[in-house]
């Protein structure tokens, strides 16, 4: 499979005015769609879990953009305060900047778009999806969709909420959020998984479910 760089992809910089966001872009041959990753609390484009999921998507001929929603300076502040990772308006705005960038990219501009969000990144993905008609679907893994607030009712695209079976508080929050979604949705509970899906086989189940969902809706 030839691609833009080796997996997880070539390093790209998404720029708007003075803002620069770093990302890994991977484009397989005959890409069938594009998935933008919005990582969760305290994570980055280097996340091993997101790389694992992205590889499953790449094997199904889906292009992936693993994006840092914070600049290095902002991330340094967030590591100390854990504040910016919960700034959903900021994170969703950054995801929209990346979405608009993909519409100008020669290899990506004709591909249907999906979002994959983890933890607080899931809320950012849902808020962004409520504002862009070109976004066709959203998948959340261990996400906090409840933090998307009133935007949930404006999300009309299909949404898959993947939650660990042992992550009881997040299951509850996902169920509350699901009731507010404006479009079709499904909650998938992975047995024995905790919040980070570190238990053997659980991340594989989540990745395969995400892949099938994206292949269906992209």
N, C-alpha and C. Protein backbone atom coordinates (compact mmCIF):
# COMPACT_ATOMS: atom_id res chain seq x y z
N UNK A 1 0.86 -1.19 0.00
CA UNK A 1 0.00 0.00 0.00
C UNK A 1 0.89 1.23 0.00
N UNK A 2 0.86 1.99 -1.07
CA UNK A 2 1.60 3.23 -1.07
C UNK A 2 0.78 4.30 -0.36
N UNK A 3 1.45 5.31 0.14
CA UNK A 3 0.75 6.31 0.92
C UNK A 3 1.57 7.56 0.98
N UNK A 4 0.96 8.59 1.55
CA UNK A 4 1.69 9.81 1.83
C UNK A 4 2.59 9.53 3.04
N UNK A 5 3.86 9.22 2.79
CA UNK A 5 4.77 8.90 3.88
C UNK A 5 4.51 7.53 4.45
N UNK A 6 5.30 7.13 5.44
CA UNK A 6 5.08 5.88 6.14
C UNK A 6 4.11 6.11 7.30
N UNK A 7 3.43 5.04 7.66
CA UNK A 7 2.46 5.16 8.75
C UNK A 7 3.20 5.56 10.04
N UNK A 8 2.68 6.48 10.85
CA UNK A 8 1.34 7.07 10.80
C UNK A 8 1.18 8.22 9.81
N UNK A 9 2.19 8.44 8.95
CA UNK A 9 2.03 9.43 7.91
C UNK A 9 3.10 10.50 7.94
N UNK A 10 3.02 11.38 6.97
CA UNK A 10 3.96 12.49 6.93
C UNK A 10 3.53 13.56 7.91
N UNK A 11 4.51 14.25 8.45
CA UNK A 11 4.21 15.36 9.36
C UNK A 11 3.77 16.56 8.53
N UNK A 12 2.63 17.12 8.88
CA UNK A 12 2.13 18.31 8.20
C UNK A 12 1.83 19.38 9.23
N UNK A 13 1.82 20.61 8.77
CA UNK A 13 1.49 21.75 9.62
C UNK A 13 0.25 22.42 9.06
N UNK A 14 -0.76 22.55 9.88
CA UNK A 14 -2.00 23.21 9.50
C UNK A 14 -1.94 24.62 10.05
N UNK A 15 -1.97 25.58 9.17
CA UNK A 15 -1.73 26.96 9.59
C UNK A 15 -2.93 27.85 9.27
N UNK A 16 -3.26 28.69 10.23
CA UNK A 16 -4.24 29.75 10.01
C UNK A 16 -3.73 30.99 10.74
N UNK A 17 -3.43 32.01 9.97
CA UNK A 17 -2.80 33.21 10.52
C UNK A 17 -1.53 32.81 11.28
N UNK A 18 -1.44 33.13 12.57
CA UNK A 18 -0.23 32.78 13.31
C UNK A 18 -0.33 31.41 14.00
N UNK A 19 -1.50 30.81 13.94
CA UNK A 19 -1.70 29.51 14.56
C UNK A 19 -1.11 28.40 13.70
N UNK A 20 -0.35 27.49 14.32
CA UNK A 20 0.20 26.33 13.63
C UNK A 20 -0.12 25.08 14.45
N UNK A 21 -0.78 24.12 13.80
CA UNK A 21 -1.13 22.85 14.44
C UNK A 21 -0.40 21.72 13.72
N UNK A 22 0.21 20.85 14.49
CA UNK A 22 0.96 19.72 13.92
C UNK A 22 0.05 18.50 13.79
N UNK A 23 0.32 17.71 12.74
CA UNK A 23 -0.51 16.53 12.50
C UNK A 23 0.28 15.50 11.71
N UNK A 24 -0.19 14.25 11.76
CA UNK A 24 0.29 13.18 10.90
C UNK A 24 -0.80 12.90 9.87
N UNK A 25 -0.44 12.94 8.59
CA UNK A 25 -1.38 12.65 7.52
C UNK A 25 -0.96 11.38 6.81
N UNK A 26 -1.90 10.43 6.71
CA UNK A 26 -1.65 9.18 6.00
C UNK A 26 -2.74 9.00 4.95
N UNK A 27 -2.33 8.82 3.71
CA UNK A 27 -3.29 8.68 2.61
C UNK A 27 -2.99 7.39 1.85
N UNK A 28 -3.81 6.35 2.02
CA UNK A 28 -3.60 5.10 1.28
C UNK A 28 -4.05 5.25 -0.17
N UNK A 29 -3.64 4.30 -0.99
CA UNK A 29 -4.11 4.27 -2.37
C UNK A 29 -5.63 4.18 -2.40
N UNK A 30 -6.23 4.91 -3.34
CA UNK A 30 -7.68 4.85 -3.55
C UNK A 30 -8.44 5.02 -2.23
N UNK A 31 -8.09 6.05 -1.52
CA UNK A 31 -8.72 6.31 -0.22
C UNK A 31 -10.23 6.44 -0.37
N UNK A 32 -10.95 5.84 0.57
CA UNK A 32 -12.41 5.80 0.51
C UNK A 32 -13.05 6.87 1.38
N UNK A 33 -12.26 7.58 2.15
CA UNK A 33 -12.77 8.61 3.04
C UNK A 33 -11.63 9.12 3.90
N UNK A 34 -11.92 10.13 4.70
CA UNK A 34 -10.92 10.75 5.57
C UNK A 34 -11.46 10.81 6.99
N UNK A 35 -10.64 10.36 7.95
CA UNK A 35 -11.02 10.43 9.36
C UNK A 35 -10.05 11.35 10.09
N UNK A 36 -10.60 12.40 10.70
CA UNK A 36 -9.81 13.31 11.52
C UNK A 36 -9.92 12.88 12.97
N UNK A 37 -8.78 12.78 13.64
CA UNK A 37 -8.73 12.35 15.04
C UNK A 37 -8.66 13.56 15.96
N UNK A 38 -9.56 13.61 16.91
CA UNK A 38 -9.53 14.63 17.96
C UNK A 38 -9.18 13.90 19.26
N UNK A 39 -7.93 14.04 19.70
CA UNK A 39 -7.48 13.26 20.85
C UNK A 39 -8.06 13.79 22.15
N UNK A 40 -7.89 13.00 23.19
CA UNK A 40 -8.50 13.34 24.46
C UNK A 40 -7.56 14.01 25.44
N UNK A 41 -7.97 13.99 26.67
CA UNK A 41 -7.28 14.70 27.73
C UNK A 41 -5.81 14.30 27.85
N UNK A 42 -4.93 15.27 27.75
CA UNK A 42 -3.51 15.04 27.97
C UNK A 42 -2.84 14.18 26.93
N UNK A 43 -3.48 13.97 25.77
CA UNK A 43 -2.92 13.12 24.73
C UNK A 43 -2.37 13.98 23.60
N UNK A 44 -1.92 13.32 22.52
CA UNK A 44 -1.36 14.05 21.39
C UNK A 44 -1.44 13.18 20.15
N UNK A 45 -0.92 13.71 19.05
CA UNK A 45 -0.91 12.95 17.80
C UNK A 45 -0.01 11.72 17.90
N UNK A 46 0.80 11.64 18.94
CA UNK A 46 1.69 10.49 19.14
C UNK A 46 1.01 9.36 19.94
N UNK A 47 -0.23 9.53 20.30
CA UNK A 47 -0.94 8.54 21.12
C UNK A 47 -0.88 7.15 20.49
N UNK A 48 -0.36 6.19 21.24
CA UNK A 48 -0.27 4.81 20.73
C UNK A 48 -1.65 4.23 20.48
N UNK A 49 -2.63 4.59 21.30
CA UNK A 49 -3.99 4.06 21.11
C UNK A 49 -4.60 4.59 19.82
N UNK A 50 -4.44 5.88 19.58
CA UNK A 50 -4.98 6.43 18.34
C UNK A 50 -4.23 5.91 17.12
N UNK A 51 -2.91 5.67 17.26
CA UNK A 51 -2.16 5.08 16.16
C UNK A 51 -2.70 3.69 15.84
N UNK A 52 -3.04 2.94 16.87
CA UNK A 52 -3.56 1.60 16.65
C UNK A 52 -4.88 1.66 15.88
N UNK A 53 -5.78 2.55 16.31
CA UNK A 53 -7.06 2.69 15.62
C UNK A 53 -6.83 3.18 14.19
N UNK A 54 -5.95 4.17 14.03
CA UNK A 54 -5.69 4.72 12.69
C UNK A 54 -5.15 3.66 11.75
N UNK A 55 -4.34 2.75 12.26
CA UNK A 55 -3.81 1.69 11.40
C UNK A 55 -4.93 0.77 10.91
N UNK A 56 -5.89 0.49 11.78
CA UNK A 56 -7.02 -0.33 11.36
C UNK A 56 -7.81 0.37 10.26
N UNK A 57 -7.95 1.67 10.37
CA UNK A 57 -8.67 2.44 9.35
C UNK A 57 -7.88 2.47 8.05
N UNK A 58 -6.56 2.66 8.16
CA UNK A 58 -5.71 2.70 6.96
C UNK A 58 -5.77 1.38 6.21
N UNK A 59 -5.84 0.26 6.96
CA UNK A 59 -5.93 -1.05 6.32
C UNK A 59 -7.23 -1.20 5.52
N UNK A 60 -8.21 -0.37 5.86
CA UNK A 60 -9.48 -0.39 5.12
C UNK A 60 -9.54 0.75 4.11
N UNK A 61 -8.38 1.29 3.74
CA UNK A 61 -8.27 2.34 2.72
C UNK A 61 -8.93 3.65 3.13
N UNK A 62 -8.85 3.97 4.41
CA UNK A 62 -9.32 5.26 4.90
C UNK A 62 -8.12 6.13 5.23
N UNK A 63 -8.12 7.36 4.73
CA UNK A 63 -7.07 8.31 5.07
C UNK A 63 -7.27 8.79 6.51
N UNK A 64 -6.18 9.11 7.19
CA UNK A 64 -6.27 9.54 8.58
C UNK A 64 -5.44 10.81 8.80
N UNK A 65 -5.97 11.69 9.63
CA UNK A 65 -5.25 12.89 10.05
C UNK A 65 -5.27 12.92 11.57
N UNK A 66 -4.10 12.60 12.16
CA UNK A 66 -3.96 12.62 13.61
C UNK A 66 -3.43 13.99 14.01
N UNK A 67 -4.26 14.72 14.71
CA UNK A 67 -4.08 16.16 14.86
C UNK A 67 -3.84 16.54 16.32
N UNK A 68 -2.90 17.46 16.54
CA UNK A 68 -2.77 18.10 17.85
C UNK A 68 -3.66 19.33 17.86
N UNK A 69 -4.61 19.36 18.78
CA UNK A 69 -5.53 20.48 18.84
C UNK A 69 -4.95 21.66 19.61
N UNK A 70 -3.85 21.42 20.32
CA UNK A 70 -3.16 22.48 21.05
C UNK A 70 -1.76 22.68 20.48
N UNK A 71 -1.27 23.89 20.54
CA UNK A 71 0.12 24.17 20.16
C UNK A 71 1.03 23.65 21.26
N UNK A 72 2.34 23.49 21.00
CA UNK A 72 3.26 23.05 22.06
C UNK A 72 3.21 23.94 23.31
N UNK A 73 3.12 25.25 23.12
CA UNK A 73 3.06 26.16 24.27
C UNK A 73 1.78 25.95 25.07
N UNK A 74 0.66 25.78 24.35
CA UNK A 74 -0.61 25.54 25.04
C UNK A 74 -0.60 24.20 25.75
N UNK A 75 0.00 23.21 25.11
CA UNK A 75 0.06 21.89 25.73
C UNK A 75 0.89 21.92 27.01
N UNK A 76 1.96 22.70 27.02
CA UNK A 76 2.78 22.82 28.23
C UNK A 76 1.96 23.41 29.38
N UNK A 77 1.15 24.41 29.06
CA UNK A 77 0.27 25.00 30.08
C UNK A 77 -0.76 23.97 30.54
N UNK A 78 -1.32 23.24 29.58
CA UNK A 78 -2.37 22.27 29.91
C UNK A 78 -1.83 21.13 30.77
N UNK A 79 -0.58 20.75 30.55
CA UNK A 79 0.00 19.69 31.37
C UNK A 79 0.06 20.10 32.84
N UNK A 80 0.16 21.40 33.08
CA UNK A 80 0.22 21.91 34.45
C UNK A 80 -1.16 22.19 35.04
N UNK A 81 -2.09 22.61 34.18
CA UNK A 81 -3.38 23.08 34.68
C UNK A 81 -4.56 22.16 34.35
N UNK A 82 -4.40 21.32 33.29
CA UNK A 82 -5.49 20.46 32.79
C UNK A 82 -6.73 21.28 32.46
N UNK A 83 -6.52 22.52 32.05
CA UNK A 83 -7.65 23.42 31.77
C UNK A 83 -8.05 23.42 30.30
N UNK A 84 -7.07 23.55 29.41
CA UNK A 84 -7.39 23.71 27.99
C UNK A 84 -8.03 22.46 27.41
N UNK A 85 -7.71 21.30 27.94
CA UNK A 85 -8.29 20.06 27.41
C UNK A 85 -9.80 20.02 27.60
N UNK A 86 -10.33 20.87 28.50
CA UNK A 86 -11.77 20.94 28.71
C UNK A 86 -12.39 22.18 28.06
N UNK A 87 -11.58 22.91 27.30
CA UNK A 87 -12.10 24.08 26.60
C UNK A 87 -12.67 23.61 25.26
N UNK A 88 -13.89 23.12 25.29
CA UNK A 88 -14.48 22.50 24.11
C UNK A 88 -14.65 23.49 22.96
N UNK A 89 -15.06 24.73 23.20
CA UNK A 89 -15.13 25.68 22.07
C UNK A 89 -13.79 25.86 21.37
N UNK A 90 -12.71 25.93 22.13
CA UNK A 90 -11.38 26.07 21.53
C UNK A 90 -11.02 24.83 20.73
N UNK A 91 -11.22 23.65 21.31
CA UNK A 91 -10.85 22.40 20.64
C UNK A 91 -11.68 22.19 19.37
N UNK A 92 -12.96 22.50 19.42
CA UNK A 92 -13.80 22.31 18.23
C UNK A 92 -13.42 23.30 17.14
N UNK A 93 -13.05 24.52 17.53
CA UNK A 93 -12.60 25.50 16.54
C UNK A 93 -11.34 25.00 15.82
N UNK A 94 -10.42 24.40 16.56
CA UNK A 94 -9.21 23.88 15.96
C UNK A 94 -9.54 22.73 15.00
N UNK A 95 -10.48 21.90 15.38
CA UNK A 95 -10.87 20.79 14.51
C UNK A 95 -11.51 21.32 13.22
N UNK A 96 -12.26 22.38 13.33
CA UNK A 96 -12.85 23.00 12.13
C UNK A 96 -11.78 23.61 11.23
N UNK A 97 -10.75 24.18 11.83
CA UNK A 97 -9.63 24.71 11.04
C UNK A 97 -8.99 23.57 10.23
N UNK A 98 -8.79 22.42 10.88
CA UNK A 98 -8.22 21.27 10.18
C UNK A 98 -9.16 20.75 9.10
N UNK A 99 -10.45 20.78 9.38
CA UNK A 99 -11.44 20.34 8.39
C UNK A 99 -11.39 21.23 7.15
N UNK A 100 -11.36 22.53 7.37
CA UNK A 100 -11.28 23.45 6.23
C UNK A 100 -9.98 23.29 5.47
N UNK A 101 -8.89 23.01 6.19
CA UNK A 101 -7.60 22.76 5.55
C UNK A 101 -7.68 21.54 4.63
N UNK A 102 -8.38 20.50 5.08
CA UNK A 102 -8.49 19.28 4.27
C UNK A 102 -9.27 19.53 2.99
N UNK A 103 -10.19 20.50 3.02
CA UNK A 103 -10.97 20.81 1.81
C UNK A 103 -10.12 21.53 0.77
N UNK A 104 -8.97 22.05 1.19
CA UNK A 104 -8.07 22.73 0.24
C UNK A 104 -6.92 21.83 -0.19
N UNK A 105 -6.80 20.64 0.42
CA UNK A 105 -5.69 19.73 0.15
C UNK A 105 -6.03 18.87 -1.07
N UNK A 106 -5.13 18.83 -2.04
CA UNK A 106 -5.41 18.16 -3.30
C UNK A 106 -5.83 16.70 -3.12
N UNK A 107 -5.16 15.97 -2.21
CA UNK A 107 -5.45 14.55 -2.03
C UNK A 107 -6.71 14.30 -1.20
N UNK A 108 -7.17 15.30 -0.49
CA UNK A 108 -8.23 15.09 0.49
C UNK A 108 -9.55 15.76 0.15
N UNK A 109 -9.52 16.75 -0.72
CA UNK A 109 -10.67 17.65 -0.85
C UNK A 109 -11.93 16.97 -1.36
N UNK A 110 -11.80 15.81 -2.01
CA UNK A 110 -12.98 15.12 -2.52
C UNK A 110 -13.44 13.97 -1.62
N UNK A 111 -12.73 13.75 -0.51
CA UNK A 111 -13.06 12.63 0.37
C UNK A 111 -14.13 13.02 1.39
N UNK A 112 -15.06 12.10 1.64
CA UNK A 112 -16.02 12.30 2.71
C UNK A 112 -15.30 12.29 4.05
N UNK A 113 -15.81 13.07 5.00
CA UNK A 113 -15.11 13.28 6.28
C UNK A 113 -15.85 12.63 7.42
N UNK A 114 -15.10 11.97 8.30
CA UNK A 114 -15.61 11.51 9.58
C UNK A 114 -14.69 11.98 10.69
N UNK A 115 -15.21 12.07 11.90
CA UNK A 115 -14.41 12.43 13.06
C UNK A 115 -14.32 11.24 14.01
N UNK A 116 -13.12 11.05 14.59
CA UNK A 116 -12.92 10.07 15.65
C UNK A 116 -12.44 10.83 16.88
N UNK A 117 -13.24 10.85 17.92
CA UNK A 117 -12.88 11.61 19.12
C UNK A 117 -12.73 10.72 20.33
N UNK A 118 -11.75 11.03 21.17
CA UNK A 118 -11.54 10.31 22.43
C UNK A 118 -11.60 11.30 23.58
N UNK A 119 -12.20 10.86 24.69
CA UNK A 119 -12.30 11.68 25.89
C UNK A 119 -12.92 13.04 25.55
N UNK A 120 -12.30 14.14 25.96
CA UNK A 120 -12.88 15.45 25.66
C UNK A 120 -12.86 15.77 24.17
N UNK A 121 -11.98 15.09 23.43
CA UNK A 121 -11.95 15.27 21.98
C UNK A 121 -13.25 14.84 21.32
N UNK A 122 -13.98 13.92 21.95
CA UNK A 122 -15.27 13.50 21.39
C UNK A 122 -16.28 14.64 21.43
N UNK A 123 -16.27 15.41 22.50
CA UNK A 123 -17.17 16.56 22.59
C UNK A 123 -16.82 17.58 21.53
N UNK A 124 -15.52 17.83 21.34
CA UNK A 124 -15.09 18.76 20.30
C UNK A 124 -15.53 18.28 18.93
N UNK A 125 -15.44 16.98 18.68
CA UNK A 125 -15.85 16.43 17.39
C UNK A 125 -17.34 16.62 17.15
N UNK A 126 -18.14 16.43 18.19
CA UNK A 126 -19.58 16.59 18.03
C UNK A 126 -19.96 18.04 17.80
N UNK A 127 -19.33 18.96 18.52
CA UNK A 127 -19.61 20.38 18.31
C UNK A 127 -19.22 20.77 16.88
N UNK A 128 -18.05 20.33 16.44
CA UNK A 128 -17.60 20.65 15.08
C UNK A 128 -18.54 20.05 14.04
N UNK A 129 -18.98 18.81 14.27
CA UNK A 129 -19.88 18.15 13.31
C UNK A 129 -21.21 18.89 13.19
N UNK A 130 -21.63 19.55 14.26
CA UNK A 130 -22.89 20.28 14.21
C UNK A 130 -22.79 21.54 13.35
N UNK A 131 -21.55 21.91 12.96
CA UNK A 131 -21.33 23.15 12.22
C UNK A 131 -20.83 22.94 10.79
N UNK A 132 -20.62 21.69 10.37
CA UNK A 132 -20.09 21.43 9.04
C UNK A 132 -20.89 20.31 8.36
N UNK A 133 -21.57 20.66 7.27
CA UNK A 133 -22.39 19.67 6.56
C UNK A 133 -21.55 18.58 5.91
N UNK A 134 -20.26 18.87 5.63
CA UNK A 134 -19.43 17.87 4.96
C UNK A 134 -18.98 16.75 5.89
N UNK A 135 -19.19 16.90 7.18
CA UNK A 135 -18.86 15.83 8.13
C UNK A 135 -20.02 14.83 8.14
N UNK A 136 -19.71 13.58 7.80
CA UNK A 136 -20.75 12.58 7.58
C UNK A 136 -21.04 11.70 8.78
N UNK A 137 -20.09 11.59 9.72
CA UNK A 137 -20.30 10.71 10.86
C UNK A 137 -19.27 11.00 11.93
N UNK A 138 -19.58 10.58 13.17
CA UNK A 138 -18.67 10.76 14.31
C UNK A 138 -18.61 9.45 15.10
N UNK A 139 -17.40 9.06 15.49
CA UNK A 139 -17.20 7.93 16.40
C UNK A 139 -16.49 8.46 17.64
N UNK A 140 -16.99 8.08 18.79
CA UNK A 140 -16.39 8.45 20.08
C UNK A 140 -15.89 7.20 20.78
N UNK A 141 -14.65 7.25 21.30
CA UNK A 141 -14.12 6.13 22.10
C UNK A 141 -13.80 6.63 23.50
N UNK A 142 -14.50 6.10 24.48
CA UNK A 142 -14.28 6.54 25.85
C UNK A 142 -14.48 8.04 25.97
N UNK A 143 -15.46 8.56 25.25
CA UNK A 143 -15.60 10.00 25.11
C UNK A 143 -16.49 10.63 26.17
N UNK A 144 -16.45 11.96 26.16
CA UNK A 144 -17.33 12.77 27.02
C UNK A 144 -18.26 13.59 26.13
N UNK A 145 -19.17 12.93 25.43
CA UNK A 145 -20.09 13.66 24.55
C UNK A 145 -20.98 14.64 25.30
N UNK A 146 -21.19 14.39 26.59
CA UNK A 146 -22.02 15.28 27.38
C UNK A 146 -21.48 16.71 27.40
N UNK A 147 -20.15 16.85 27.23
CA UNK A 147 -19.54 18.18 27.26
C UNK A 147 -19.85 18.99 26.00
N UNK A 148 -20.46 18.37 25.00
CA UNK A 148 -20.87 19.10 23.80
C UNK A 148 -22.10 19.95 24.05
N UNK A 149 -22.81 19.70 25.14
CA UNK A 149 -23.92 20.55 25.54
C UNK A 149 -25.03 20.66 24.51
N UNK A 150 -25.46 21.90 24.27
CA UNK A 150 -26.60 22.15 23.38
C UNK A 150 -26.33 21.75 21.94
N UNK A 151 -25.06 21.62 21.57
CA UNK A 151 -24.73 21.24 20.19
C UNK A 151 -25.22 19.83 19.86
N UNK A 152 -25.43 18.99 20.86
CA UNK A 152 -25.84 17.60 20.62
C UNK A 152 -27.12 17.53 19.78
N UNK A 153 -28.05 18.42 20.05
CA UNK A 153 -29.33 18.40 19.32
C UNK A 153 -29.17 18.81 17.87
N UNK A 154 -28.02 19.41 17.54
CA UNK A 154 -27.77 19.85 16.17
C UNK A 154 -26.89 18.87 15.40
N UNK A 155 -26.57 17.74 16.02
CA UNK A 155 -25.78 16.71 15.35
C UNK A 155 -26.75 15.72 14.72
N UNK A 156 -26.87 15.78 13.39
CA UNK A 156 -27.85 14.96 12.68
C UNK A 156 -27.21 13.76 11.99
N UNK A 157 -25.88 13.69 11.98
CA UNK A 157 -25.20 12.58 11.32
C UNK A 157 -25.15 11.37 12.27
N UNK A 158 -24.92 10.17 11.72
CA UNK A 158 -24.83 8.99 12.57
C UNK A 158 -23.65 9.07 13.53
N UNK A 159 -23.89 8.69 14.78
CA UNK A 159 -22.87 8.76 15.83
C UNK A 159 -22.76 7.41 16.52
N UNK A 160 -21.52 6.92 16.65
CA UNK A 160 -21.24 5.70 17.40
C UNK A 160 -20.49 6.07 18.67
N UNK A 161 -21.05 5.69 19.81
CA UNK A 161 -20.43 5.95 21.10
C UNK A 161 -19.90 4.64 21.67
N UNK A 162 -18.57 4.50 21.70
CA UNK A 162 -17.94 3.28 22.20
C UNK A 162 -17.46 3.53 23.63
N UNK A 163 -17.89 2.68 24.55
CA UNK A 163 -17.57 2.88 25.96
C UNK A 163 -17.14 1.56 26.58
N UNK A 164 -16.21 1.62 27.51
CA UNK A 164 -15.78 0.43 28.23
C UNK A 164 -16.82 -0.04 29.22
N UNK A 165 -17.02 -1.34 29.29
CA UNK A 165 -18.03 -1.90 30.18
C UNK A 165 -17.78 -1.64 31.64
N UNK A 166 -16.52 -1.42 32.02
CA UNK A 166 -16.19 -1.13 33.41
C UNK A 166 -16.02 0.36 33.68
N UNK A 167 -16.39 1.17 32.72
CA UNK A 167 -16.26 2.63 32.85
C UNK A 167 -17.65 3.20 33.15
N UNK A 168 -18.16 2.89 34.35
CA UNK A 168 -19.57 3.10 34.66
C UNK A 168 -19.99 4.57 34.60
N UNK A 169 -19.17 5.47 35.10
CA UNK A 169 -19.54 6.90 35.07
C UNK A 169 -19.66 7.40 33.64
N UNK A 170 -18.72 6.97 32.78
CA UNK A 170 -18.75 7.43 31.39
C UNK A 170 -19.91 6.78 30.63
N UNK A 171 -20.26 5.55 30.97
CA UNK A 171 -21.45 4.93 30.37
C UNK A 171 -22.67 5.79 30.67
N UNK A 172 -22.80 6.19 31.91
CA UNK A 172 -23.96 7.01 32.31
C UNK A 172 -23.97 8.33 31.53
N UNK A 173 -22.83 8.99 31.42
CA UNK A 173 -22.77 10.27 30.72
C UNK A 173 -23.04 10.11 29.23
N UNK A 174 -22.59 8.99 28.65
CA UNK A 174 -22.86 8.73 27.23
C UNK A 174 -24.35 8.49 26.99
N UNK A 175 -24.99 7.79 27.91
CA UNK A 175 -26.42 7.55 27.74
C UNK A 175 -27.22 8.84 27.83
N UNK A 176 -26.82 9.71 28.73
CA UNK A 176 -27.50 11.01 28.84
C UNK A 176 -27.31 11.81 27.56
N UNK A 177 -26.08 11.82 27.05
CA UNK A 177 -25.79 12.58 25.83
C UNK A 177 -26.52 11.98 24.63
N UNK A 178 -26.58 10.66 24.55
CA UNK A 178 -27.22 9.99 23.41
C UNK A 178 -28.68 10.39 23.27
N UNK A 179 -29.35 10.59 24.39
CA UNK A 179 -30.76 10.97 24.35
C UNK A 179 -30.97 12.35 23.73
N UNK A 180 -29.91 13.15 23.69
CA UNK A 180 -30.03 14.51 23.17
C UNK A 180 -29.58 14.63 21.71
N UNK A 181 -28.95 13.58 21.17
CA UNK A 181 -28.47 13.66 19.80
C UNK A 181 -29.62 13.80 18.81
N UNK A 182 -29.38 14.63 17.79
CA UNK A 182 -30.44 14.91 16.83
C UNK A 182 -30.57 13.90 15.71
N UNK A 183 -29.64 12.95 15.62
CA UNK A 183 -29.65 11.98 14.53
C UNK A 183 -29.51 10.56 15.03
N UNK A 184 -29.35 9.61 14.11
CA UNK A 184 -29.20 8.20 14.50
C UNK A 184 -27.92 7.99 15.29
N UNK A 185 -28.00 7.08 16.26
CA UNK A 185 -26.83 6.84 17.09
C UNK A 185 -26.90 5.45 17.71
N UNK A 186 -25.76 5.02 18.17
CA UNK A 186 -25.65 3.70 18.80
C UNK A 186 -24.60 3.78 19.91
N UNK A 187 -24.89 3.12 21.02
CA UNK A 187 -23.90 2.99 22.09
C UNK A 187 -23.39 1.55 22.07
N UNK A 188 -22.08 1.41 21.94
CA UNK A 188 -21.45 0.09 21.95
C UNK A 188 -20.61 -0.04 23.22
N UNK A 189 -20.96 -0.97 24.06
CA UNK A 189 -20.23 -1.19 25.31
C UNK A 189 -19.31 -2.40 25.14
N UNK A 190 -18.02 -2.17 25.33
CA UNK A 190 -17.02 -3.24 25.19
C UNK A 190 -16.83 -3.90 26.55
N UNK A 191 -17.19 -5.18 26.70
CA UNK A 191 -17.09 -5.84 28.01
C UNK A 191 -15.67 -5.80 28.57
N UNK A 192 -15.60 -5.61 29.87
CA UNK A 192 -14.36 -5.67 30.68
C UNK A 192 -13.40 -4.50 30.41
N UNK A 193 -13.73 -3.62 29.51
CA UNK A 193 -12.83 -2.49 29.20
C UNK A 193 -13.02 -1.37 30.21
N UNK A 194 -11.91 -0.75 30.60
CA UNK A 194 -11.96 0.46 31.40
C UNK A 194 -11.79 1.67 30.47
N UNK A 195 -11.58 2.84 31.05
CA UNK A 195 -11.65 4.07 30.27
C UNK A 195 -10.65 4.12 29.12
N UNK A 196 -9.43 3.62 29.32
CA UNK A 196 -8.39 3.71 28.31
C UNK A 196 -8.29 2.48 27.42
N UNK A 197 -9.18 1.51 27.62
CA UNK A 197 -9.20 0.29 26.81
C UNK A 197 -7.82 -0.39 26.82
N UNK A 198 -7.26 -0.53 28.01
CA UNK A 198 -5.94 -1.13 28.16
C UNK A 198 -6.00 -2.65 28.33
N UNK A 199 -7.18 -3.19 28.58
CA UNK A 199 -7.33 -4.62 28.79
C UNK A 199 -7.14 -5.38 27.48
N UNK A 200 -6.55 -6.57 27.52
CA UNK A 200 -6.26 -7.32 26.28
C UNK A 200 -7.49 -7.49 25.39
N UNK A 201 -7.32 -7.11 24.15
CA UNK A 201 -8.37 -7.31 23.16
C UNK A 201 -9.43 -6.23 23.09
N UNK A 202 -9.50 -5.37 24.08
CA UNK A 202 -10.60 -4.40 24.11
C UNK A 202 -10.40 -3.27 23.10
N UNK A 203 -9.16 -2.80 22.96
CA UNK A 203 -8.92 -1.74 21.98
C UNK A 203 -9.13 -2.27 20.57
N UNK A 204 -8.77 -3.54 20.34
CA UNK A 204 -9.01 -4.15 19.03
C UNK A 204 -10.50 -4.15 18.70
N UNK A 205 -11.32 -4.51 19.68
CA UNK A 205 -12.77 -4.51 19.44
C UNK A 205 -13.28 -3.11 19.11
N UNK A 206 -12.78 -2.12 19.83
CA UNK A 206 -13.20 -0.74 19.58
C UNK A 206 -12.76 -0.28 18.19
N UNK A 207 -11.54 -0.62 17.82
CA UNK A 207 -11.00 -0.20 16.52
C UNK A 207 -11.78 -0.83 15.37
N UNK A 208 -12.08 -2.12 15.50
CA UNK A 208 -12.82 -2.79 14.44
C UNK A 208 -14.24 -2.24 14.31
N UNK A 209 -14.85 -1.93 15.45
CA UNK A 209 -16.19 -1.34 15.41
C UNK A 209 -16.17 0.03 14.73
N UNK A 210 -15.15 0.81 15.06
CA UNK A 210 -15.00 2.14 14.43
C UNK A 210 -14.79 1.99 12.93
N UNK A 211 -13.97 1.04 12.55
CA UNK A 211 -13.70 0.83 11.13
C UNK A 211 -14.97 0.48 10.36
N UNK A 212 -15.75 -0.44 10.89
CA UNK A 212 -16.98 -0.84 10.21
C UNK A 212 -17.96 0.33 10.12
N UNK A 213 -17.99 1.13 11.17
CA UNK A 213 -18.90 2.27 11.18
C UNK A 213 -18.50 3.28 10.11
N UNK A 214 -17.20 3.59 10.05
CA UNK A 214 -16.74 4.55 9.05
C UNK A 214 -16.94 4.02 7.63
N UNK A 215 -16.70 2.74 7.43
CA UNK A 215 -16.89 2.18 6.09
C UNK A 215 -18.36 2.24 5.68
N UNK A 216 -19.25 2.13 6.64
CA UNK A 216 -20.67 2.21 6.35
C UNK A 216 -21.10 3.62 5.97
N UNK A 217 -20.60 4.61 6.69
CA UNK A 217 -21.12 5.97 6.54
C UNK A 217 -20.21 6.90 5.72
N UNK A 218 -19.00 6.46 5.40
CA UNK A 218 -18.17 7.24 4.49
C UNK A 218 -18.15 6.64 3.10
